[in-house]
């Protein structure tokens, strides 16, 4: 029995050079509801090594104002 393999974004982004990545999401909605722990939808886009545009649905959430 073969199981469908789940791919991660890191399986697709395997480059030797730096690539341009676009992250699109509703920043005002995320900021207005910053105390809410819900995830908000976003879109991560980039062009892969074959020249194909990759669009990945992502979930955005805030982790706090300060990192140590």
Protein backbone atom coordinates (compact mmCIF):
# COMPACT_ATOMS: atom_id res chain seq x y z
CA UNK A 1 0.00 0.00 0.00
CA UNK A 2 1.44 3.37 -1.04
CA UNK A 3 0.60 6.44 0.97
CA UNK A 4 0.40 9.88 -0.58
CA UNK A 5 3.51 11.79 0.39
CA UNK A 6 3.03 15.17 2.05
CA UNK A 7 5.43 17.80 0.77
CA UNK A 8 6.76 20.63 2.86
CA UNK A 9 7.73 24.03 1.51
CA UNK A 10 11.32 23.05 2.35
CA UNK A 11 11.11 20.10 -0.06
CA UNK A 12 10.41 22.54 -2.90
CA UNK A 13 12.78 25.37 -1.94
CA UNK A 14 16.11 23.66 -2.45
CA UNK A 15 18.38 26.29 -4.00
CA UNK A 16 22.01 27.21 -3.86
CA UNK A 17 21.18 30.88 -4.47
CA UNK A 18 18.83 33.35 -2.80
CA UNK A 19 15.30 33.48 -4.24
CA UNK A 20 12.59 36.12 -3.98
CA UNK A 21 9.63 35.04 -1.85
CA UNK A 22 6.37 37.00 -1.54
CA UNK A 23 4.21 36.70 1.56
CA UNK A 24 0.72 38.18 1.25
CA UNK A 25 -1.78 38.50 4.09
CA UNK A 26 -4.16 40.99 5.71
CA UNK A 27 -1.81 42.81 8.09
CA UNK A 28 -4.49 45.11 9.54
CA UNK A 29 -6.70 42.14 10.47
CA UNK A 30 -3.75 40.42 12.11
CA UNK A 31 -2.81 43.56 14.08
CA UNK A 32 -6.39 44.38 15.12
CA UNK A 33 -6.86 40.88 16.54
CA UNK A 34 -3.37 40.45 17.98
CA UNK A 35 -4.63 39.08 21.30
CA UNK A 36 -6.56 36.38 19.48
CA UNK A 37 -4.60 33.14 19.06
CA UNK A 38 -6.42 32.19 15.84
CA UNK A 39 -4.44 31.70 12.65
CA UNK A 40 -5.11 33.98 9.67
CA UNK A 41 -4.78 32.93 6.03
CA UNK A 42 -1.86 34.03 3.90
CA UNK A 43 -0.23 33.19 0.59
CA UNK A 44 3.47 32.39 0.11
CA UNK A 45 4.59 32.69 -3.53
CA UNK A 46 7.88 32.08 -5.33
CA UNK A 47 9.23 30.79 -8.63
CA UNK A 48 10.80 27.34 -8.37
CA UNK A 49 13.95 26.11 -10.11
CA UNK A 50 11.93 24.97 -13.17
CA UNK A 51 10.44 28.46 -13.59
CA UNK A 52 6.99 27.48 -12.32
CA UNK A 53 5.16 29.85 -9.98
CA UNK A 54 4.48 28.12 -6.66
CA UNK A 55 1.62 29.37 -4.45
CA UNK A 56 1.30 27.90 -0.96
CA UNK A 57 -1.60 28.60 1.41
CA UNK A 58 -0.17 29.40 4.86
CA UNK A 59 -1.55 30.28 8.28
CA UNK A 60 -0.28 33.42 10.01
CA UNK A 61 -0.27 34.09 13.74
CA UNK A 62 1.49 36.48 16.06
CA UNK A 63 4.02 35.22 18.57
CA UNK A 64 4.67 38.35 20.57
CA UNK A 65 6.36 41.70 20.28
CA UNK A 66 9.79 40.75 21.60
CA UNK A 67 12.10 37.81 20.86
CA UNK A 68 15.14 36.96 22.94
